[in-house]
Amino acid sequence: MSVVLSNPASVAQPDGQFSQAVLVNMPANLLFISGQVPRDLDGKTVGKGNMTTQAEQVFRNLSAILQAHGTDFTRAIKATIFVTDMSLAEEVVAVRKRFYGNSAPASTFVEVRALGDSDWMLEIELIAAI
């Protein structure tokens, strides 16, 4: 299986750390990770009111799930990031960069009015290849 990042010249080039498309040549297993929120191992919300702290927890959760399945962010195919305040997006982007390294999966970044708990400021879903 191979994963090829695609940014065709016929569309605007990404202005952030993502690719316009990701082509996955199979056979491979795909890992669909449910939306991860800023909860620690005990299920407690961390970083109430602090986007950077919450983003770090969310990316730690994603990393732990990836590692449990024998993969990492280099095999990420698609990310969907939900935030409750787009003015804090750069904080999420900075944390994402630390965890992604040079990876740039297809991504969607969306502001939403609310998440499942009023203390959560972001939630991230991820699809990765194994």
C-alpha atoms as a PDB file:
ATOM      1  CA  MET A   1       0.000   0.000   0.000  1.00  0.00           C
ATOM      2  CA  SER A   2       1.161   3.510  -0.694  1.00  0.00           C
ATOM      3  CA  VAL A   3      -0.104   6.899   0.364  1.00  0.00           C
ATOM      4  CA  VAL A   4       0.425   9.740  -2.097  1.00  0.00           C
ATOM      5  CA  LEU A   5      -0.276  13.355  -1.167  1.00  0.00           C
ATOM      6  CA  SER A   6      -1.831  15.264  -4.051  1.00  0.00           C
ATOM      7  CA  ASN A   7      -1.924  18.991  -4.722  1.00  0.00           C
ATOM      8  CA  PRO A   8      -2.867  19.303  -8.416  1.00  0.00           C
ATOM      9  CA  ALA A   9      -1.754  22.471 -10.180  1.00  0.00           C
ATOM     10  CA  SER A  10      -5.345  22.914 -11.362  1.00  0.00           C
ATOM     11  CA  VAL A  11      -6.531  24.004  -7.884  1.00  0.00           C
ATOM     12  CA  ALA A  12      -5.200  26.516  -5.356  1.00  0.00           C
ATOM     13  CA  GLN A  13      -2.219  25.207  -3.447  1.00  0.00           C
ATOM     14  CA  PRO A  14      -2.740  24.590   0.285  1.00  0.00           C
ATOM     15  CA  ASP A  15      -2.011  27.571   2.496  1.00  0.00           C
ATOM     16  CA  GLY A  16      -1.469  25.417   5.558  1.00  0.00           C
ATOM     17  CA  GLN A  17      -0.344  21.978   6.621  1.00  0.00           C
ATOM     18  CA  PHE A  18      -2.727  19.839   4.590  1.00  0.00           C
ATOM     19  CA  SER A  19      -3.051  18.302   1.148  1.00  0.00           C
ATOM     20  CA  GLN A  20      -5.922  18.836  -1.283  1.00  0.00           C
ATOM     21  CA  ALA A  21      -6.269  15.068  -1.651  1.00  0.00           C
ATOM     22  CA  VAL A  22      -4.644  11.849  -0.502  1.00  0.00           C
ATOM     23  CA  LEU A  23      -4.570   8.823  -2.798  1.00  0.00           C
ATOM     24  CA  VAL A  24      -4.353   5.502  -0.977  1.00  0.00           C
ATOM     25  CA  ASN A  25      -3.392   2.548  -3.125  1.00  0.00           C
ATOM     26  CA  MET A  26      -4.763  -0.545  -1.399  1.00  0.00           C
ATOM     27  CA  PRO A  27      -4.695  -3.219  -0.035  1.00  0.00           C
ATOM     28  CA  ALA A  28      -4.416  -1.809   3.454  1.00  0.00           C
ATOM     29  CA  ASN A  29      -6.385  -1.497   6.611  1.00  0.00           C
ATOM     30  CA  LEU A  30      -7.920   1.849   7.422  1.00  0.00           C
ATOM     31  CA  LEU A  31      -8.258   3.114  10.967  1.00  0.00           C
ATOM     32  CA  PHE A  32     -11.207   5.438  11.607  1.00  0.00           C
ATOM     33  CA  ILE A  33     -10.695   7.323  14.859  1.00  0.00           C
ATOM     34  CA  SER A  34     -13.758   8.820  16.500  1.00  0.00           C
ATOM     35  CA  GLY A  35     -13.653  12.463  17.472  1.00  0.00           C
ATOM     36  CA  GLN A  36     -11.092  12.904  20.219  1.00  0.00           C
ATOM     37  CA  VAL A  37     -11.714  15.526  22.873  1.00  0.00           C
ATOM     38  CA  PRO A  38      -9.518  17.014  25.628  1.00  0.00           C
ATOM     39  CA  ARG A  39     -10.080  14.233  28.146  1.00  0.00           C
ATOM     40  CA  ASP A  40      -7.263  12.507  29.997  1.00  0.00           C
ATOM     41  CA  LEU A  41      -6.970   8.779  30.695  1.00  0.00           C
ATOM     42  CA  ASP A  42      -9.339   9.153  33.674  1.00  0.00           C
ATOM     43  CA  GLY A  43     -11.961  10.828  31.484  1.00  0.00           C
ATOM     44  CA  LYS A  44     -11.458  14.259  33.006  1.00  0.00           C
ATOM     45  CA  THR A  45     -11.482  17.336  30.792  1.00  0.00           C
ATOM     46  CA  VAL A  46      -8.115  19.106  30.818  1.00  0.00           C
ATOM     47  CA  GLY A  47      -7.248  22.718  30.054  1.00  0.00           C
ATOM     48  CA  LYS A  48     -10.628  24.315  30.617  1.00  0.00           C
ATOM     49  CA  GLY A  49     -10.475  27.652  28.767  1.00  0.00           C
ATOM     50  CA  ASN A  50      -6.996  26.937  27.313  1.00  0.00           C
ATOM     51  CA  MET A  51      -6.981  25.934  23.637  1.00  0.00           C
ATOM     52  CA  THR A  52      -3.284  24.973  23.548  1.00  0.00           C
ATOM     53  CA  THR A  53      -3.594  22.642  26.542  1.00  0.00           C
ATOM     54  CA  GLN A  54      -6.748  21.093  25.110  1.00  0.00           C
ATOM     55  CA  ALA A  55      -5.141  20.635  21.684  1.00  0.00           C
ATOM     56  CA  GLU A  56      -2.124  18.943  23.249  1.00  0.00           C
ATOM     57  CA  GLN A  57      -4.413  16.468  25.028  1.00  0.00           C
ATOM     58  CA  VAL A  58      -6.413  15.764  21.883  1.00  0.00           C
ATOM     59  CA  PHE A  59      -3.262  15.100  19.852  1.00  0.00           C
ATOM     60  CA  ARG A  60      -1.851  12.899  22.650  1.00  0.00           C
ATOM     61  CA  ASN A  61      -5.090  10.890  22.515  1.00  0.00           C
ATOM     62  CA  LEU A  62      -4.867  10.569  18.738  1.00  0.00           C
ATOM     63  CA  SER A  63      -1.213   9.559  18.971  1.00  0.00           C
ATOM     64  CA  ALA A  64      -1.987   6.897  21.582  1.00  0.00           C
ATOM     65  CA  ILE A  65      -4.713   5.385  19.401  1.00  0.00           C
ATOM     66  CA  LEU A  66      -2.463   5.424  16.341  1.00  0.00           C
ATOM     67  CA  GLN A  67       0.358   3.761  18.293  1.00  0.00           C
ATOM     68  CA  ALA A  68      -2.027   1.128  19.679  1.00  0.00           C
ATOM     69  CA  HIS A  69      -2.711   0.139  16.086  1.00  0.00           C
ATOM     70  CA  GLY A  70       0.895   0.154  14.918  1.00  0.00           C
ATOM     71  CA  THR A  71       0.847   3.411  13.013  1.00  0.00           C
ATOM     72  CA  ASP A  72       1.491   7.119  13.492  1.00  0.00           C
ATOM     73  CA  PHE A  73       0.700  10.552  12.063  1.00  0.00           C
ATOM     74  CA  THR A  74       2.814   9.855   8.970  1.00  0.00           C
ATOM     75  CA  ARG A  75       0.045   7.485   7.881  1.00  0.00           C
ATOM     76  CA  ALA A  76      -2.795   9.948   8.516  1.00  0.00           C
ATOM     77  CA  ILE A  77      -5.062  10.267   5.494  1.00  0.00           C
ATOM     78  CA  LYS A  78      -7.865  12.610   6.590  1.00  0.00           C
ATOM     79  CA  ALA A  79      -8.395  14.876   9.590  1.00  0.00           C
ATOM     80  CA  THR A  80     -11.489  16.827  10.560  1.00  0.00           C
ATOM     81  CA  ILE A  81     -10.917  19.492  13.208  1.00  0.00           C
ATOM     82  CA  PHE A  82     -13.832  21.125  14.989  1.00  0.00           C
ATOM     83  CA  VAL A  83     -13.216  24.222  17.140  1.00  0.00           C
ATOM     84  CA  THR A  84     -15.635  26.438  19.028  1.00  0.00           C
ATOM     85  CA  ASP A  85     -13.596  29.602  18.432  1.00  0.00           C
ATOM     86  CA  MET A  86     -11.796  30.049  15.105  1.00  0.00           C
ATOM     87  CA  SER A  87      -9.852  33.019  16.521  1.00  0.00           C
ATOM     88  CA  LEU A  88      -7.839  30.401  18.462  1.00  0.00           C
ATOM     89  CA  ALA A  89      -7.108  28.255  15.397  1.00  0.00           C
ATOM     90  CA  GLU A  90      -3.414  29.196  15.306  1.00  0.00           C
ATOM     91  CA  GLU A  91      -2.957  27.572  18.711  1.00  0.00           C
ATOM     92  CA  VAL A  92      -4.323  24.315  17.313  1.00  0.00           C
ATOM     93  CA  VAL A  93      -2.178  24.665  14.187  1.00  0.00           C
ATOM     94  CA  ALA A  94       0.979  25.099  16.302  1.00  0.00           C
ATOM     95  CA  VAL A  95       0.242  21.956  18.319  1.00  0.00           C
ATOM     96  CA  ARG A  96      -0.747  20.027  15.199  1.00  0.00           C
ATOM     97  CA  LYS A  97       2.595  20.903  13.588  1.00  0.00           C
ATOM     98  CA  ARG A  98       4.492  19.418  16.541  1.00  0.00           C
ATOM     99  CA  PHE A  99       2.588  16.134  16.315  1.00  0.00           C
ATOM    100  CA  TYR A 100       2.308  15.880  12.507  1.00  0.00           C
ATOM    101  CA  GLY A 101       5.926  16.650  11.753  1.00  0.00           C
ATOM    102  CA  ASN A 102       6.035  16.777   7.951  1.00  0.00           C
ATOM    103  CA  SER A 103       2.718  14.955   7.475  1.00  0.00           C
ATOM    104  CA  ALA A 104       0.013  16.838   5.622  1.00  0.00           C
ATOM    105  CA  PRO A 105      -3.153  14.737   5.338  1.00  0.00           C
ATOM    106  CA  ALA A 106      -6.314  15.927   3.651  1.00  0.00           C
ATOM    107  CA  SER A 107      -7.963  18.144   6.262  1.00  0.00           C
ATOM    108  CA  THR A 108     -11.061  20.116   7.115  1.00  0.00           C
ATOM    109  CA  PHE A 109     -11.052  22.809   9.838  1.00  0.00           C
ATOM    110  CA  VAL A 110     -14.509  23.918  10.997  1.00  0.00           C
ATOM    111  CA  GLU A 111     -15.883  26.282  13.626  1.00  0.00           C
ATOM    112  CA  VAL A 112     -18.922  24.908  15.445  1.00  0.00           C
ATOM    113  CA  ARG A 113     -21.222  26.510  17.965  1.00  0.00           C
ATOM    114  CA  ALA A 114     -20.812  23.759  20.561  1.00  0.00           C
ATOM    115  CA  LEU A 115     -19.364  20.302  21.182  1.00  0.00           C
ATOM    116  CA  GLY A 116     -20.564  17.480  23.439  1.00  0.00           C
ATOM    117  CA  ASP A 117     -19.398  19.229  26.631  1.00  0.00           C
ATOM    118  CA  SER A 118     -19.423  22.980  27.159  1.00  0.00           C
ATOM    119  CA  ASP A 119     -15.813  22.844  28.447  1.00  0.00           C
ATOM    120  CA  TRP A 120     -14.481  21.299  25.225  1.00  0.00           C
ATOM    121  CA  MET A 121     -12.980  23.777  22.780  1.00  0.00           C
ATOM    122  CA  LEU A 122     -12.053  21.274  20.048  1.00  0.00           C
ATOM    123  CA  GLU A 123     -12.610  17.775  18.742  1.00  0.00           C
ATOM    124  CA  ILE A 124     -10.619  15.976  16.055  1.00  0.00           C
ATOM    125  CA  GLU A 125     -11.484  12.918  13.932  1.00  0.00           C
ATOM    126  CA  LEU A 126      -8.767  11.111  12.027  1.00  0.00           C
ATOM    127  CA  ILE A 127      -8.490   8.419   9.390  1.00  0.00           C
ATOM    128  CA  ALA A 128      -5.148   6.645   9.041  1.00  0.00           C
ATOM    129  CA  ALA A 129      -3.714   3.776   7.049  1.00  0.00           C
ATOM    130  CA  ILE A 130      -2.163   0.780   8.748  1.00  0.00           C
END
